[in-house]
Protein backbone atom coordinates (compact mmCIF):
# COMPACT_ATOMS: atom_id res chain seq x y z
CA UNK A 1 75.09 -33.80 20.31
CA UNK A 2 77.70 -34.52 17.63
CA UNK A 3 76.60 -31.39 15.76
CA UNK A 4 77.00 -29.27 18.90
CA UNK A 5 80.49 -30.67 19.50
CA UNK A 6 81.47 -30.04 15.90
CA UNK A 7 80.17 -26.48 16.06
CA UNK A 8 82.01 -25.84 19.35
CA UNK A 9 85.24 -27.27 17.92
CA UNK A 10 84.93 -25.08 14.85
CA UNK A 11 84.28 -22.04 17.03
CA UNK A 12 87.31 -22.83 19.20
CA UNK A 13 89.55 -23.14 16.14
CA UNK A 14 88.13 -19.93 14.74
CA UNK A 15 88.82 -18.05 17.99
CA UNK A 16 92.33 -19.50 18.17
CA UNK A 17 92.97 -18.37 14.61
CA UNK A 18 91.64 -14.91 15.41
CA UNK A 19 93.88 -14.69 18.50
CA UNK A 20 96.91 -15.75 16.47
CA UNK A 21 96.03 -13.23 13.79
CA UNK A 22 95.77 -10.50 16.41
CA UNK A 23 99.06 -11.37 18.14
CA UNK A 24 101.45 -8.42 18.26
CA UNK A 25 104.60 -9.09 16.23
CA UNK A 26 107.64 -7.30 17.70
CA UNK A 27 111.07 -7.61 16.10
CA UNK A 28 114.31 -6.87 17.96
CA UNK A 29 117.23 -5.88 15.73
CA UNK A 30 120.83 -5.52 16.92
CA UNK A 31 124.34 -5.98 15.51
CA UNK A 32 125.77 -6.97 18.90
CA UNK A 33 123.98 -10.02 20.36
CA UNK A 34 127.41 -11.55 21.19
CA UNK A 35 127.83 -8.75 23.76
CA UNK A 36 126.65 -9.96 27.17
CA UNK A 37 124.80 -6.71 28.05
CA UNK A 38 123.10 -6.54 24.64
CA UNK A 39 122.03 -10.18 24.87
CA UNK A 40 120.73 -9.58 28.40
CA UNK A 41 118.61 -6.68 27.17
CA UNK A 42 117.30 -8.66 24.21
CA UNK A 43 116.36 -11.70 26.28
CA UNK A 44 114.84 -9.54 29.02
CA UNK A 45 112.74 -7.61 26.51
CA UNK A 46 111.65 -10.86 24.85
CA UNK A 47 110.46 -12.14 28.25
CA UNK A 48 108.67 -8.84 28.94
CA UNK A 49 106.97 -9.02 25.55
CA UNK A 50 105.91 -12.62 25.95
CA UNK A 51 104.32 -11.75 29.31
CA UNK A 52 102.16 -9.33 27.31
CA UNK A 53 101.30 -11.94 24.68
CA UNK A 54 103.59 -10.50 22.01
CA UNK A 55 105.43 -12.64 19.47
CA UNK A 56 109.02 -11.39 19.83
CA UNK A 57 111.72 -12.23 17.26
CA UNK A 58 115.42 -11.43 17.76
CA UNK A 59 117.58 -10.68 14.70
CA UNK A 60 121.37 -10.29 15.09
CA UNK A 61 123.59 -9.13 12.22
CA UNK A 62 127.00 -9.78 13.82
CA UNK A 63 128.37 -6.22 13.61
CA UNK A 64 127.21 -5.87 10.00
CA UNK A 65 125.33 -2.57 9.67
CA UNK A 66 124.59 -3.12 5.99
CA UNK A 67 122.81 -6.32 6.88
CA UNK A 68 121.10 -4.55 9.79
CA UNK A 69 119.61 -2.06 7.33
CA UNK A 70 118.57 -4.86 5.00
CA UNK A 71 116.94 -6.93 7.74
CA UNK A 72 115.13 -3.85 9.02
CA UNK A 73 113.69 -3.27 5.54
CA UNK A 74 112.57 -6.92 5.51
CA UNK A 75 110.90 -6.39 8.88
CA UNK A 76 109.05 -3.30 7.67
CA UNK A 77 107.93 -5.09 4.50
CA UNK A 78 106.72 -8.01 6.64
CA UNK A 79 104.47 -5.48 8.44
CA UNK A 80 105.74 -6.08 11.97
CA UNK A 81 103.74 -4.27 14.63
CA UNK A 82 106.82 -2.75 16.28
CA UNK A 83 110.61 -2.65 16.01
CA UNK A 84 113.09 -2.53 18.90
CA UNK A 85 116.66 -1.43 18.14
CA UNK A 86 119.20 -2.49 20.78
CA UNK A 87 122.69 -1.01 21.21
CA UNK A 88 122.38 0.80 17.89
CA UNK A 89 122.60 4.40 16.75
CA UNK A 90 119.33 4.83 14.81
CA UNK A 91 121.11 7.34 12.60
CA UNK A 92 123.15 4.48 11.13
CA UNK A 93 119.93 2.99 9.76
CA UNK A 94 118.16 6.34 9.38
CA UNK A 95 116.55 5.54 6.01
CA UNK A 96 115.10 2.33 7.38
CA UNK A 97 113.84 4.04 10.56
CA UNK A 98 112.11 6.60 8.32
CA UNK A 99 110.70 3.75 6.25
CA UNK A 100 109.19 2.23 9.40
CA UNK A 101 107.70 5.59 10.38
CA UNK A 102 106.11 5.97 6.94
CA UNK A 103 104.62 2.48 7.34
CA UNK A 104 103.19 3.43 10.73
CA UNK A 105 105.43 0.97 12.60
CA UNK A 106 106.66 2.33 15.95
CA UNK A 107 110.39 2.06 16.64
CA UNK A 108 111.89 2.20 20.12
CA UNK A 109 115.53 2.01 21.14
CA UNK A 110 117.27 0.41 24.11
CA UNK A 111 120.82 1.53 24.94
CA UNK A 112 120.91 3.67 21.81
CA UNK A 113 120.28 7.34 21.11
CA UNK A 114 117.47 9.74 20.30
CA UNK A 115 116.24 10.08 16.73
CA UNK A 116 113.37 11.96 15.08
CA UNK A 117 111.65 8.73 13.99
CA UNK A 118 112.30 6.79 17.21
CA UNK A 119 109.46 7.07 19.73
CA UNK A 120 111.65 6.61 22.81
CA UNK A 121 115.23 5.70 23.69
CA UNK A 122 115.67 3.93 27.04
CA UNK A 123 119.26 3.98 28.25
CA UNK A 124 121.70 5.00 30.93
CA UNK A 125 123.02 8.54 30.97
CA UNK A 126 126.18 7.37 29.25
CA UNK A 127 127.97 10.72 29.33
CA UNK A 128 127.45 10.79 33.10
CA UNK A 129 128.65 7.18 33.35
CA UNK A 130 131.80 8.16 31.45
CA UNK A 131 132.48 11.02 33.83
CA UNK A 132 131.73 8.88 36.91
CA UNK A 133 134.11 6.17 35.70
CA UNK A 134 136.78 8.77 34.95
CA UNK A 135 136.42 10.54 38.30
CA UNK A 136 136.56 7.22 40.18
CA UNK A 137 139.68 6.09 38.32
CA UNK A 138 141.43 9.45 38.66
CA UNK A 139 140.63 9.57 42.38
CA UNK A 140 142.11 6.08 42.82
CA UNK A 141 145.26 7.38 41.08
CA UNK A 142 145.44 10.44 43.36
CA UNK A 143 144.86 12.72 40.40
CA UNK A 144 148.01 11.89 38.44
CA UNK A 145 149.38 9.13 36.23
CA UNK A 146 149.25 7.46 32.84
CA UNK A 147 146.21 5.61 31.60
CA UNK A 148 145.25 3.33 28.73
CA UNK A 149 141.90 3.97 27.04
CA UNK A 150 139.74 1.24 25.50
CA UNK A 151 136.85 2.60 23.45
CA UNK A 152 134.32 1.75 20.73
CA UNK A 153 132.93 4.90 19.11
CA UNK A 154 130.62 2.94 16.78
CA UNK A 155 128.23 2.36 19.69
CA UNK A 156 126.36 5.59 20.55
CA UNK A 157 126.25 4.98 24.30
CA UNK A 158 129.89 3.91 24.50
CA UNK A 159 130.88 6.97 22.49
CA UNK A 160 129.09 9.19 25.02
CA UNK A 161 131.22 7.60 27.76
CA UNK A 162 134.32 8.48 25.77
CA UNK A 163 133.13 12.10 25.58
CA UNK A 164 132.66 11.96 29.35
CA UNK A 165 136.31 10.91 29.68
CA UNK A 166 137.43 13.75 27.43
CA UNK A 167 135.54 16.29 29.53
CA UNK A 168 136.98 14.91 32.77
CA UNK A 169 140.54 14.88 31.38
CA UNK A 170 140.28 18.62 30.80
CA UNK A 171 139.91 19.07 34.56
CA UNK A 172 142.81 16.73 35.41
CA UNK A 173 145.93 17.86 33.51
CA UNK A 174 148.16 15.43 35.43
CA UNK A 175 146.34 12.41 33.95
CA UNK A 176 147.74 11.42 30.55
CA UNK A 177 146.38 8.93 28.00
CA UNK A 178 149.56 7.23 26.80
CA UNK A 179 147.86 4.54 24.68
CA UNK A 180 144.40 3.83 23.35
CA UNK A 181 142.69 1.07 21.42
CA UNK A 182 139.48 0.88 19.39
CA UNK A 183 137.91 -2.39 20.53
CA UNK A 184 136.77 -4.85 17.88
CA UNK A 185 133.31 -6.37 18.24
CA UNK A 186 132.53 -9.33 18.22
CA UNK A 187 135.31 -10.71 20.41
CA UNK A 188 136.01 -7.66 22.63
CA UNK A 189 137.58 -9.68 25.48
CA UNK A 190 140.16 -11.35 23.25
CA UNK A 191 140.75 -8.12 21.34
CA UNK A 192 141.29 -6.24 24.60
CA UNK A 193 143.67 -8.94 25.86
CA UNK A 194 145.81 -8.91 22.71
CA UNK A 195 145.90 -5.10 22.60
CA UNK A 196 146.83 -4.87 26.29
CA UNK A 197 149.61 -7.44 25.87
CA UNK A 198 151.16 -5.23 23.19
CA UNK A 199 150.65 -2.05 25.23
CA UNK A 200 152.23 -3.65 28.31
CA UNK A 201 155.25 -4.72 26.27
CA UNK A 202 155.66 -1.14 25.07
CA UNK A 203 154.91 0.80 28.28
CA UNK A 204 155.15 -1.71 31.15
CA UNK A 205 155.27 -0.07 34.58
CA UNK A 206 154.54 3.36 33.09
CA UNK A 207 150.85 2.37 33.05
CA UNK A 208 148.94 3.40 36.18
CA UNK A 209 145.38 2.80 35.08
CA UNK A 210 143.08 1.34 32.43
CA UNK A 211 139.88 3.15 31.43
CA UNK A 212 137.56 0.62 29.78
CA UNK A 213 134.47 2.12 28.15
CA UNK A 214 132.80 -1.24 28.73
CA UNK A 215 133.84 -4.22 30.82
CA UNK A 216 134.81 -6.68 28.09
CA UNK A 217 138.11 -5.04 27.07
CA UNK A 218 138.80 -4.38 30.76
CA UNK A 219 138.50 -8.13 31.35
CA UNK A 220 140.91 -8.69 28.47
CA UNK A 221 143.28 -6.11 29.99
CA UNK A 222 143.19 -7.93 33.32
CA UNK A 223 143.96 -11.29 31.66
CA UNK A 224 146.89 -9.70 29.82
CA UNK A 225 148.20 -8.01 32.96
CA UNK A 226 148.08 -11.26 34.94
CA UNK A 227 150.05 -12.91 32.15
CA UNK A 228 152.53 -10.17 31.26
CA UNK A 229 152.99 -8.07 34.41
CA UNK A 230 151.17 -9.68 37.38
CA UNK A 231 152.97 -7.53 40.01
CA UNK A 232 151.87 -4.28 38.37
CA UNK A 233 149.95 -1.84 40.59
CA UNK A 234 147.82 -0.60 37.69
CA UNK A 235 144.09 -0.17 38.29
CA UNK A 236 141.37 -1.24 35.83
CA UNK A 237 137.84 0.14 35.87
CA UNK A 238 134.95 -0.33 33.45
CA UNK A 239 131.22 -0.08 32.89
CA UNK A 240 128.36 -2.62 32.57
CA UNK A 241 128.61 -4.89 35.63
CA UNK A 242 129.62 -7.88 33.51
CA UNK A 243 129.54 -11.03 35.67
CA UNK A 244 133.16 -11.90 34.87
CA UNK A 245 134.26 -8.36 35.74
CA UNK A 246 132.38 -8.56 39.05
CA UNK A 247 134.11 -11.88 39.82
CA UNK A 248 137.48 -10.24 39.11
CA UNK A 249 136.62 -7.34 41.44
CA UNK A 250 135.55 -9.79 44.14
CA UNK A 251 138.83 -11.69 43.69
CA UNK A 252 140.94 -8.57 44.34
CA UNK A 253 142.56 -8.45 40.91
CA UNK A 254 143.67 -5.27 39.13
CA UNK A 255 140.02 -4.81 38.13
CA UNK A 256 138.76 -2.51 40.92
CA UNK A 257 135.36 -1.17 39.87
CA UNK A 258 132.53 -1.30 37.35
CA UNK A 259 129.29 0.61 36.94
CA UNK A 260 126.39 -1.80 36.65
CA UNK A 261 123.71 -0.71 34.20
CA UNK A 262 120.24 -2.05 34.83
CA UNK A 263 119.71 -3.84 31.52
CA UNK A 264 116.62 -5.80 32.62
CA UNK A 265 115.29 -2.48 33.93
CA UNK A 266 115.84 -0.87 30.52
CA UNK A 267 113.98 -3.75 28.88
CA UNK A 268 111.11 -3.47 31.36
CA UNK A 269 110.77 0.30 30.85
CA UNK A 270 111.02 -0.15 27.08
CA UNK A 271 108.25 -2.75 27.09
CA UNK A 272 106.04 -0.50 29.24
CA UNK A 273 106.55 2.44 26.88
CA UNK A 274 105.94 0.31 23.78
CA UNK A 275 102.75 -1.04 25.33
CA UNK A 276 101.51 2.56 25.70
CA UNK A 277 102.45 3.36 22.10
CA UNK A 278 100.73 0.25 20.70
CA UNK A 279 97.59 1.23 22.63
CA UNK A 280 97.60 4.60 20.88
CA UNK A 281 99.27 6.56 23.66
CA UNK A 282 102.55 8.45 23.87
CA UNK A 283 105.78 7.58 25.71
CA UNK A 284 106.70 9.40 28.92
CA UNK A 285 109.54 11.16 27.07
CA UNK A 286 111.66 10.72 23.95
CA UNK A 287 114.55 9.59 26.19
CA UNK A 288 114.37 7.87 29.57
CA UNK A 289 117.40 7.24 31.79
CA UNK A 290 117.66 4.16 34.00
CA UNK A 291 120.13 4.62 36.93
CA UNK A 292 123.37 2.64 37.30
CA UNK A 293 125.27 1.63 40.46
CA UNK A 294 129.03 1.41 41.19
CA UNK A 295 130.38 -2.03 42.13
CA UNK A 296 133.62 -2.21 44.15
CA UNK A 297 135.23 -4.77 46.49
CA UNK A 298 133.70 -2.81 49.39
CA UNK A 299 130.19 -2.95 47.91
CA UNK A 300 130.66 -6.70 47.50
CA UNK A 301 131.72 -7.07 51.15
CA UNK A 302 135.33 -7.90 50.26
CA UNK A 303 138.46 -6.50 51.92
CA UNK A 304 141.42 -6.58 49.54
CA UNK A 305 145.05 -6.50 50.75
């Protein structure tokens, strides 16, 4: 009997070791984990992966693209089974993406952009989001007025939104950008607040609207406006559906609208596509768009004075 038990125990350990050895190692790499949307995508994808039995590791390089390239090389050399880039232009680590391709390691992107060596990019249609935000803001301003632009061209999706603004401005000659600010990341809320304080001191009541390429600087702009010029009639709109931005919209502040991207949805679609790839299949497409929804006081059931 003791021999049977010993044999069974050894077999169990052997099977456990085989299972561990066969576990799928997936590494998430991003320079922006301090961003609420990026963190939401990373954590959602990690949960999706763990449901599938994958070992998912998250690596953040705190806005350091040199380190991002280095850590990606480490990941390739460690023979990960798959790499997920989040909120990153794959072109900025193009050599490392090619290195992964040569090693036979699939790379997918969430909230990024297409690339020859990336199997699929799952994102919002950011150009369309930029135009939707612009049209909504311009309509709220009756087609004329002065706006402040907060942008961050280093992020591929956010840059597409900026291009959407540029295209919409061409159709609205009575809307003028009188000030703009490249938002620093990490710390976009504080950076937006400080920048808006300075802009308000320079332009004051000349400002009719704030176009925030993502919610964080819009939140900073609202905090600055409440401090510097609380009676201003300026209108702030952004993108992402950040919880703090939604609370500001619900509270009838200057922040009047945001476009909520479905970040858990992006993670879910990304995990589904990666599962196909790891099984030897092909993704549905090289780029998949996940729809967004506009959040306003009305959509939240709030009537503002």
